[in-house]
C-alpha atoms as a PDB file:
ATOM      1  CA  MET A   1     -86.858 107.154 -66.151  1.00  0.00           C
ATOM      2  CA  HIS A   2     -83.924 107.988 -68.447  1.00  0.00           C
ATOM      3  CA  GLY A   3     -80.721 106.485 -67.055  1.00  0.00           C
ATOM      4  CA  ASP A   4     -79.528 103.749 -64.735  1.00  0.00           C
ATOM      5  CA  CYS A   5     -80.919 103.231 -61.251  1.00  0.00           C
ATOM      6  CA  VAL A   6     -78.120 103.672 -58.693  1.00  0.00           C
ATOM      7  CA  ALA A   7     -80.316 103.098 -55.644  1.00  0.00           C
ATOM      8  CA  ARG A   8     -83.994 102.832 -54.835  1.00  0.00           C
ATOM      9  CA  ALA A   9     -86.017 102.904 -51.611  1.00  0.00           C
ATOM     10  CA  ALA A  10     -89.716 102.470 -50.921  1.00  0.00           C
ATOM     11  CA  THR A  11     -91.545 103.690 -47.801  1.00  0.00           C
ATOM     12  CA  GLU A  12     -95.101 104.501 -46.841  1.00  0.00           C
ATOM     13  CA  ARG A  13     -94.556 107.864 -48.570  1.00  0.00           C
ATOM     14  CA  GLY A  14     -93.698 106.213 -51.888  1.00  0.00           C
ATOM     15  CA  GLU A  15     -90.510 105.654 -53.891  1.00  0.00           C
ATOM     16  CA  THR A  16     -87.215 107.541 -53.792  1.00  0.00           C
ATOM     17  CA  VAL A  17     -84.778 106.846 -56.631  1.00  0.00           C
ATOM     18  CA  LEU A  18     -81.194 107.884 -57.330  1.00  0.00           C
ATOM     19  CA  ILE A  19     -80.517 107.807 -61.083  1.00  0.00           C
ATOM     20  CA  ARG A  20     -77.346 108.050 -63.153  1.00  0.00           C
ATOM     21  CA  ARG A  21     -78.394 109.826 -66.340  1.00  0.00           C
ATOM     22  CA  GLY A  22     -77.140 108.418 -69.599  1.00  0.00           C
ATOM     23  CA  ASP A  23     -76.754 111.687 -71.499  1.00  0.00           C
ATOM     24  CA  ASP A  24     -74.482 113.609 -69.133  1.00  0.00           C
ATOM     25  CA  GLY A  25     -73.590 111.132 -66.372  1.00  0.00           C
ATOM     26  CA  ALA A  26     -75.173 113.331 -63.698  1.00  0.00           C
ATOM     27  CA  LEU A  27     -76.909 111.962 -60.634  1.00  0.00           C
ATOM     28  CA  GLU A  28     -80.578 112.809 -60.330  1.00  0.00           C
ATOM     29  CA  LEU A  29     -82.879 112.437 -57.329  1.00  0.00           C
ATOM     30  CA  ARG A  30     -86.546 111.655 -57.926  1.00  0.00           C
ATOM     31  CA  VAL A  31     -89.357 111.129 -55.421  1.00  0.00           C
ATOM     32  CA  ASN A  32     -92.516 109.384 -56.636  1.00  0.00           C
ATOM     33  CA  GLY A  33     -91.424 110.115 -60.173  1.00  0.00           C
ATOM     34  CA  VAL A  34     -90.979 113.845 -59.530  1.00  0.00           C
ATOM     35  CA  PHE A  35     -87.618 115.459 -60.270  1.00  0.00           C
ATOM     36  CA  VAL A  36     -86.149 116.950 -57.095  1.00  0.00           C
ATOM     37  CA  MET A  37     -82.541 117.873 -57.927  1.00  0.00           C
ATOM     38  CA  ASP A  38     -79.406 116.782 -59.762  1.00  0.00           C
ATOM     39  CA  THR A  39     -75.639 117.214 -59.563  1.00  0.00           C
ATOM     40  CA  VAL A  40     -75.463 119.614 -62.532  1.00  0.00           C
ATOM     41  CA  HIS A  41     -77.668 122.548 -61.548  1.00  0.00           C
ATOM     42  CA  THR A  42     -76.552 123.185 -57.979  1.00  0.00           C
ATOM     43  CA  ALA A  43     -76.302 126.989 -57.950  1.00  0.00           C
ATOM     44  CA  THR A  44     -79.654 127.625 -56.293  1.00  0.00           C
ATOM     45  CA  GLU A  45     -79.043 125.084 -53.518  1.00  0.00           C
ATOM     46  CA  ARG A  46     -75.758 126.855 -52.793  1.00  0.00           C
ATOM     47  CA  LEU A  47     -77.361 130.296 -53.064  1.00  0.00           C
ATOM     48  CA  LEU A  48     -79.927 129.252 -50.474  1.00  0.00           C
ATOM     49  CA  ALA A  49     -77.025 128.872 -48.051  1.00  0.00           C
ATOM     50  CA  THR A  50     -74.968 131.937 -48.953  1.00  0.00           C
ATOM     51  CA  THR A  51     -77.957 134.270 -49.274  1.00  0.00           C
ATOM     52  CA  THR A  52     -79.399 133.226 -45.926  1.00  0.00           C
ATOM     53  CA  LEU A  53     -76.111 133.655 -44.090  1.00  0.00           C
ATOM     54  CA  GLU A  54     -75.430 136.996 -45.785  1.00  0.00           C
ATOM     55  CA  ALA A  55     -78.902 138.181 -44.761  1.00  0.00           C
ATOM     56  CA  TYR A  56     -78.158 137.265 -41.152  1.00  0.00           C
ATOM     57  CA  TYR A  57     -74.770 139.000 -41.177  1.00  0.00           C
ATOM     58  CA  ALA A  58     -76.322 142.137 -42.673  1.00  0.00           C
ATOM     59  CA  SER A  59     -78.998 142.231 -39.961  1.00  0.00           C
ATOM     60  CA  ALA A  60     -76.825 141.267 -37.009  1.00  0.00           C
ATOM     61  CA  GLY A  61     -73.903 143.555 -37.798  1.00  0.00           C
ATOM     62  CA  VAL A  62     -71.112 143.414 -35.193  1.00  0.00           C
ATOM     63  CA  ARG A  63     -72.987 140.731 -33.270  1.00  0.00           C
ATOM     64  CA  ALA A  64     -72.351 138.297 -36.129  1.00  0.00           C
ATOM     65  CA  ALA A  65     -68.617 138.855 -35.901  1.00  0.00           C
ATOM     66  CA  THR A  66     -68.375 137.314 -32.430  1.00  0.00           C
ATOM     67  CA  ALA A  67     -71.326 134.978 -31.914  1.00  0.00           C
ATOM     68  CA  PRO A  68     -71.390 131.395 -33.237  1.00  0.00           C
ATOM     69  CA  ILE A  69     -73.797 130.771 -36.095  1.00  0.00           C
ATOM     70  CA  ARG A  70     -76.200 127.878 -35.539  1.00  0.00           C
ATOM     71  CA  VAL A  71     -78.133 126.588 -38.549  1.00  0.00           C
ATOM     72  CA  LEU A  72     -81.093 124.285 -39.184  1.00  0.00           C
ATOM     73  CA  ILE A  73     -81.614 122.813 -42.658  1.00  0.00           C
ATOM     74  CA  GLY A  74     -84.797 121.162 -43.866  1.00  0.00           C
ATOM     75  CA  GLY A  75     -83.838 118.609 -46.513  1.00  0.00           C
ATOM     76  CA  LEU A  76     -80.424 116.989 -47.078  1.00  0.00           C
ATOM     77  CA  GLY A  77     -81.030 115.960 -50.674  1.00  0.00           C
ATOM     78  CA  LEU A  78     -77.752 115.703 -52.565  1.00  0.00           C
ATOM     79  CA  GLY A  79     -76.002 117.809 -49.943  1.00  0.00           C
ATOM     80  CA  PHE A  80     -75.084 120.996 -51.795  1.00  0.00           C
ATOM     81  CA  THR A  81     -76.801 123.399 -49.401  1.00  0.00           C
ATOM     82  CA  LEU A  82     -75.085 121.706 -46.464  1.00  0.00           C
ATOM     83  CA  GLN A  83     -71.693 121.921 -48.197  1.00  0.00           C
ATOM     84  CA  GLU A  84     -72.108 125.653 -48.742  1.00  0.00           C
ATOM     85  CA  VAL A  85     -73.171 126.296 -45.151  1.00  0.00           C
ATOM     86  CA  LEU A  86     -70.134 124.429 -43.846  1.00  0.00           C
ATOM     87  CA  ALA A  87     -67.819 126.460 -46.086  1.00  0.00           C
ATOM     88  CA  ASP A  88     -68.494 129.397 -43.753  1.00  0.00           C
ATOM     89  CA  ARG A  89     -66.208 128.817 -40.780  1.00  0.00           C
ATOM     90  CA  ARG A  90     -68.318 131.108 -38.609  1.00  0.00           C
ATOM     91  CA  VAL A  91     -70.963 128.372 -38.591  1.00  0.00           C
ATOM     92  CA  SER A  92     -70.543 126.384 -35.383  1.00  0.00           C
ATOM     93  CA  ARG A  93     -73.402 123.866 -35.647  1.00  0.00           C
ATOM     94  CA  VAL A  94     -75.687 122.528 -38.362  1.00  0.00           C
ATOM     95  CA  ARG A  95     -78.654 120.246 -37.739  1.00  0.00           C
ATOM     96  CA  VAL A  96     -80.168 118.703 -40.861  1.00  0.00           C
ATOM     97  CA  ALA A  97     -83.574 117.026 -41.033  1.00  0.00           C
ATOM     98  CA  GLU A  98     -84.000 114.495 -43.851  1.00  0.00           C
ATOM     99  CA  ILE A  99     -87.223 112.515 -43.862  1.00  0.00           C
ATOM    100  CA  GLU A 100     -85.871 109.713 -46.073  1.00  0.00           C
ATOM    101  CA  SER A 101     -83.368 107.596 -44.166  1.00  0.00           C
ATOM    102  CA  ALA A 102     -82.311 106.027 -47.481  1.00  0.00           C
ATOM    103  CA  ILE A 103     -80.884 109.345 -48.670  1.00  0.00           C
ATOM    104  CA  VAL A 104     -78.743 109.608 -45.538  1.00  0.00           C
ATOM    105  CA  ASP A 105     -77.630 106.017 -46.085  1.00  0.00           C
ATOM    106  CA  TRP A 106     -76.685 106.716 -49.709  1.00  0.00           C
ATOM    107  CA  HIS A 107     -74.485 109.591 -48.561  1.00  0.00           C
ATOM    108  CA  ARG A 108     -72.800 107.387 -45.963  1.00  0.00           C
ATOM    109  CA  ARG A 109     -72.223 104.628 -48.515  1.00  0.00           C
ATOM    110  CA  GLY A 110     -70.554 107.047 -50.938  1.00  0.00           C
ATOM    111  CA  LEU A 111     -73.224 106.723 -53.625  1.00  0.00           C
ATOM    112  CA  ILE A 112     -73.576 110.523 -53.678  1.00  0.00           C
ATOM    113  CA  PRO A 113     -70.393 112.548 -54.381  1.00  0.00           C
ATOM    114  CA  ASP A 114     -68.755 114.967 -51.951  1.00  0.00           C
ATOM    115  CA  THR A 115     -70.287 113.240 -48.946  1.00  0.00           C
ATOM    116  CA  VAL A 116     -67.517 114.419 -46.650  1.00  0.00           C
ATOM    117  CA  ALA A 117     -69.866 117.180 -45.497  1.00  0.00           C
ATOM    118  CA  ILE A 118     -71.948 114.803 -43.401  1.00  0.00           C
ATOM    119  CA  GLU A 119     -68.797 113.741 -41.535  1.00  0.00           C
ATOM    120  CA  ASP A 120     -68.008 117.293 -40.427  1.00  0.00           C
ATOM    121  CA  GLU A 121     -67.997 117.467 -36.620  1.00  0.00           C
ATOM    122  CA  ARG A 122     -70.361 120.443 -36.757  1.00  0.00           C
ATOM    123  CA  VAL A 123     -73.105 118.385 -38.441  1.00  0.00           C
ATOM    124  CA  GLU A 124     -75.930 116.442 -36.839  1.00  0.00           C
ATOM    125  CA  LEU A 125     -78.221 114.485 -39.172  1.00  0.00           C
ATOM    126  CA  VAL A 126     -81.758 113.825 -37.985  1.00  0.00           C
ATOM    127  CA  THR A 127     -84.049 111.430 -39.826  1.00  0.00           C
ATOM    128  CA  GLY A 128     -87.515 112.904 -39.641  1.00  0.00           C
ATOM    129  CA  GLU A 129     -89.732 115.884 -40.401  1.00  0.00           C
ATOM    130  CA  ILE A 130     -88.232 119.362 -40.299  1.00  0.00           C
ATOM    131  CA  THR A 131     -91.432 120.532 -38.586  1.00  0.00           C
ATOM    132  CA  GLU A 132     -90.743 118.157 -35.705  1.00  0.00           C
ATOM    133  CA  LEU A 133     -87.069 119.127 -35.477  1.00  0.00           C
ATOM    134  CA  ILE A 134     -87.860 122.830 -35.251  1.00  0.00           C
ATOM    135  CA  ALA A 135     -90.693 122.261 -32.770  1.00  0.00           C
ATOM    136  CA  ASP A 136     -88.144 120.570 -30.476  1.00  0.00           C
ATOM    137  CA  GLN A 137     -85.753 123.537 -30.482  1.00  0.00           C
ATOM    138  CA  ALA A 138     -85.494 125.993 -27.636  1.00  0.00           C
ATOM    139  CA  PRO A 139     -86.635 129.558 -28.347  1.00  0.00           C
ATOM    140  CA  SER A 140     -83.957 131.859 -29.800  1.00  0.00           C
ATOM    141  CA  SER A 141     -81.609 128.908 -30.310  1.00  0.00           C
ATOM    142  CA  VAL A 142     -80.522 129.288 -33.957  1.00  0.00           C
ATOM    143  CA  GLU A 143     -79.480 132.066 -36.271  1.00  0.00           C
ATOM    144  CA  ALA A 144     -80.619 130.612 -39.602  1.00  0.00           C
ATOM    145  CA  ILE A 145     -83.259 128.195 -40.878  1.00  0.00           C
ATOM    146  CA  LEU A 146     -83.001 126.982 -44.482  1.00  0.00           C
ATOM    147  CA  LEU A 147     -85.960 125.129 -45.995  1.00  0.00           C
ATOM    148  CA  ASP A 148     -85.666 123.219 -49.274  1.00  0.00           C
ATOM    149  CA  VAL A 149     -88.031 120.275 -48.868  1.00  0.00           C
ATOM    150  CA  ASP A 150     -89.987 120.658 -52.128  1.00  0.00           C
ATOM    151  CA  ASN A 151     -89.810 122.483 -55.441  1.00  0.00           C
ATOM    152  CA  GLY A 152     -91.789 125.154 -53.623  1.00  0.00           C
ATOM    153  CA  PRO A 153     -95.274 125.286 -52.122  1.00  0.00           C
ATOM    154  CA  GLY A 154     -96.832 124.719 -55.550  1.00  0.00           C
ATOM    155  CA  TYR A 155     -94.898 121.494 -56.184  1.00  0.00           C
ATOM    156  CA  LEU A 156     -95.030 119.435 -53.024  1.00  0.00           C
ATOM    157  CA  VAL A 157     -92.946 116.258 -52.877  1.00  0.00           C
ATOM    158  CA  TYR A 158     -95.298 115.008 -50.159  1.00  0.00           C
ATOM    159  CA  THR A 159     -98.772 116.391 -49.448  1.00  0.00           C
ATOM    160  CA  ALA A 160     -97.945 116.700 -45.743  1.00  0.00           C
ATOM    161  CA  ASN A 161     -95.240 119.240 -46.608  1.00  0.00           C
ATOM    162  CA  ALA A 162     -97.953 121.876 -47.043  1.00  0.00           C
ATOM    163  CA  ALA A 163     -97.544 122.504 -43.306  1.00  0.00           C
ATOM    164  CA  VAL A 164     -94.042 123.887 -43.931  1.00  0.00           C
ATOM    165  CA  TYR A 165     -95.557 126.899 -45.715  1.00  0.00           C
ATOM    166  CA  SER A 166     -98.259 127.656 -43.152  1.00  0.00           C
ATOM    167  CA  SER A 167     -98.343 130.651 -40.823  1.00  0.00           C
ATOM    168  CA  ASP A 168     -98.435 128.317 -37.819  1.00  0.00           C
ATOM    169  CA  PHE A 169     -95.153 126.636 -38.703  1.00  0.00           C
ATOM    170  CA  LEU A 170     -93.529 129.895 -39.769  1.00  0.00           C
ATOM    171  CA  ALA A 171     -94.422 131.308 -36.350  1.00  0.00           C
ATOM    172  CA  VAL A 172     -92.536 128.410 -34.731  1.00  0.00           C
ATOM    173  CA  CYS A 173     -89.555 129.210 -36.963  1.00  0.00           C
ATOM    174  CA  HIS A 174     -89.713 132.845 -35.841  1.00  0.00           C
ATOM    175  CA  GLU A 175     -89.702 131.809 -32.188  1.00  0.00           C
ATOM    176  CA  THR A 176     -86.752 129.477 -32.766  1.00  0.00           C
ATOM    177  CA  LEU A 177     -84.632 132.243 -34.288  1.00  0.00           C
ATOM    178  CA  SER A 178     -82.335 134.384 -32.196  1.00  0.00           C
ATOM    179  CA  PRO A 179     -82.611 138.170 -32.609  1.00  0.00           C
ATOM    180  CA  TYR A 180     -81.732 139.139 -36.217  1.00  0.00           C
ATOM    181  CA  GLY A 181     -82.166 135.506 -37.246  1.00  0.00           C
ATOM    182  CA  VAL A 182     -83.283 134.549 -40.748  1.00  0.00           C
ATOM    183  CA  THR A 183     -85.574 131.919 -42.254  1.00  0.00           C
ATOM    184  CA  ALA A 184     -85.246 131.304 -46.013  1.00  0.00           C
ATOM    185  CA  ILE A 185     -87.458 129.132 -48.215  1.00  0.00           C
ATOM    186  CA  TRP A 186     -86.650 128.000 -51.763  1.00  0.00           C
ATOM    187  CA  SER A 187     -89.294 127.902 -54.505  1.00  0.00           C
ATOM    188  CA  ALA A 188     -89.169 127.093 -58.206  1.00  0.00           C
ATOM    189  CA  ASP A 189     -91.974 129.573 -58.944  1.00  0.00           C
ATOM    190  CA  PRO A 190     -93.297 132.791 -57.414  1.00  0.00           C
ATOM    191  CA  ALA A 191     -95.275 131.982 -54.266  1.00  0.00           C
ATOM    192  CA  PRO A 192     -97.377 134.999 -53.276  1.00  0.00           C
ATOM    193  CA  GLU A 193     -99.376 133.052 -50.679  1.00  0.00           C
ATOM    194  CA  LEU A 194     -96.138 131.983 -48.991  1.00  0.00           C
ATOM    195  CA  GLU A 195     -94.872 135.554 -49.030  1.00  0.00           C
ATOM    196  CA  ALA A 196     -98.122 136.743 -47.465  1.00  0.00           C
ATOM    197  CA  ALA A 197     -97.895 134.073 -44.747  1.00  0.00           C
ATOM    198  CA  MET A 198     -94.318 135.121 -43.997  1.00  0.00           C
ATOM    199  CA  ARG A 199     -95.339 138.777 -43.761  1.00  0.00           C
ATOM    200  CA  ASP A 200     -97.884 137.775 -41.123  1.00  0.00           C
ATOM    201  CA  VAL A 201     -95.042 136.383 -38.995  1.00  0.00           C
ATOM    202  CA  PHE A 202     -91.704 138.073 -39.719  1.00  0.00           C
ATOM    203  CA  GLU A 203     -90.831 141.712 -39.193  1.00  0.00           C
ATOM    204  CA  ALA A 204     -89.143 141.934 -42.603  1.00  0.00           C
ATOM    205  CA  VAL A 205     -89.663 139.754 -45.684  1.00  0.00           C
ATOM    206  CA  GLU A 206     -87.901 139.833 -49.054  1.00  0.00           C
ATOM    207  CA  GLU A 207     -88.396 137.856 -52.257  1.00  0.00           C
ATOM    208  CA  LEU A 208     -85.174 137.298 -54.194  1.00  0.00           C
ATOM    209  CA  THR A 209     -85.455 136.296 -57.855  1.00  0.00           C
ATOM    210  CA  ILE A 210     -82.513 134.283 -59.146  1.00  0.00           C
ATOM    211  CA  PRO A 211     -81.909 133.840 -62.908  1.00  0.00           C
ATOM    212  CA  VAL A 212     -80.929 130.273 -63.839  1.00  0.00           C
ATOM    213  CA  MET A 213     -79.843 128.628 -67.094  1.00  0.00           C
ATOM    214  CA  LEU A 214     -81.056 125.038 -67.452  1.00  0.00           C
ATOM    215  CA  GLY A 215     -79.149 123.958 -70.526  1.00  0.00           C
ATOM    216  CA  ARG A 216     -80.249 126.526 -73.118  1.00  0.00           C
ATOM    217  CA  HIS A 217     -83.415 127.391 -71.248  1.00  0.00           C
ATOM    218  CA  SER A 218     -83.509 130.525 -69.105  1.00  0.00           C
ATOM    219  CA  THR A 219     -85.746 130.566 -66.033  1.00  0.00           C
ATOM    220  CA  THR A 220     -85.888 132.021 -62.533  1.00  0.00           C
ATOM    221  CA  TYR A 221     -85.981 130.531 -59.053  1.00  0.00           C
ATOM    222  CA  HIS A 222     -87.086 132.305 -55.913  1.00  0.00           C
ATOM    223  CA  LEU A 223     -85.945 132.677 -52.324  1.00  0.00           C
ATOM    224  CA  TYR A 224     -88.259 134.021 -49.657  1.00  0.00           C
ATOM    225  CA  VAL A 225     -86.303 135.466 -46.746  1.00  0.00           C
ATOM    226  CA  GLY A 226     -87.907 136.391 -43.441  1.00  0.00           C
ATOM    227  CA  ARG A 227     -85.997 138.231 -40.721  1.00  0.00           C
ATOM    228  CA  ARG A 228     -86.584 138.436 -37.005  1.00  0.00           C
ATOM    229  CA  VAL A 229     -85.747 141.956 -35.883  1.00  0.00           C
END
């Protein structure tokens, strides 16, 4: 671990640590020693939000101009996806599932910057599994589901998260979406098995490749977008 420990929490799933890096002063979130995200490279977390909402608006057309947009997010993390969702004033409600209660607590204590997002009246934070949150939703009750719980299906933070990328869970997401609704999943690498599982469930699926500069290193991240037609 390179940097100073800002906060640390241990559960039956292992250890979650918030680090202040010494080289650039950025905050970094690690789970069981695995890098999850930091406060420097936030573009893809934000793109997860904007791309998903744009995909819904493109599908829904005039319907999107009048109907409230209800969103579910899997993973609070450092909060950048939530911030970007809330920047769209057409969004009327956002429910966020974060399995680590410590992360929610760190936001509320001001240890993570720009925490005002969790105080927005449109936001409901739920401590628990995103699979359980979505299973509890009524059919056709949301317009967008955003999933960023790992670094993709090939880099699971927790082994149990494999269920998030299964056809069974994706089918529940499809049922939860309103007509023209969108489910988007973030991945650090190409995930052909995930894409195939989504094509088994959604009427339309698209893989979006996003170029990213990490310092001087060029790479790509990936968004898998499934639409209910």
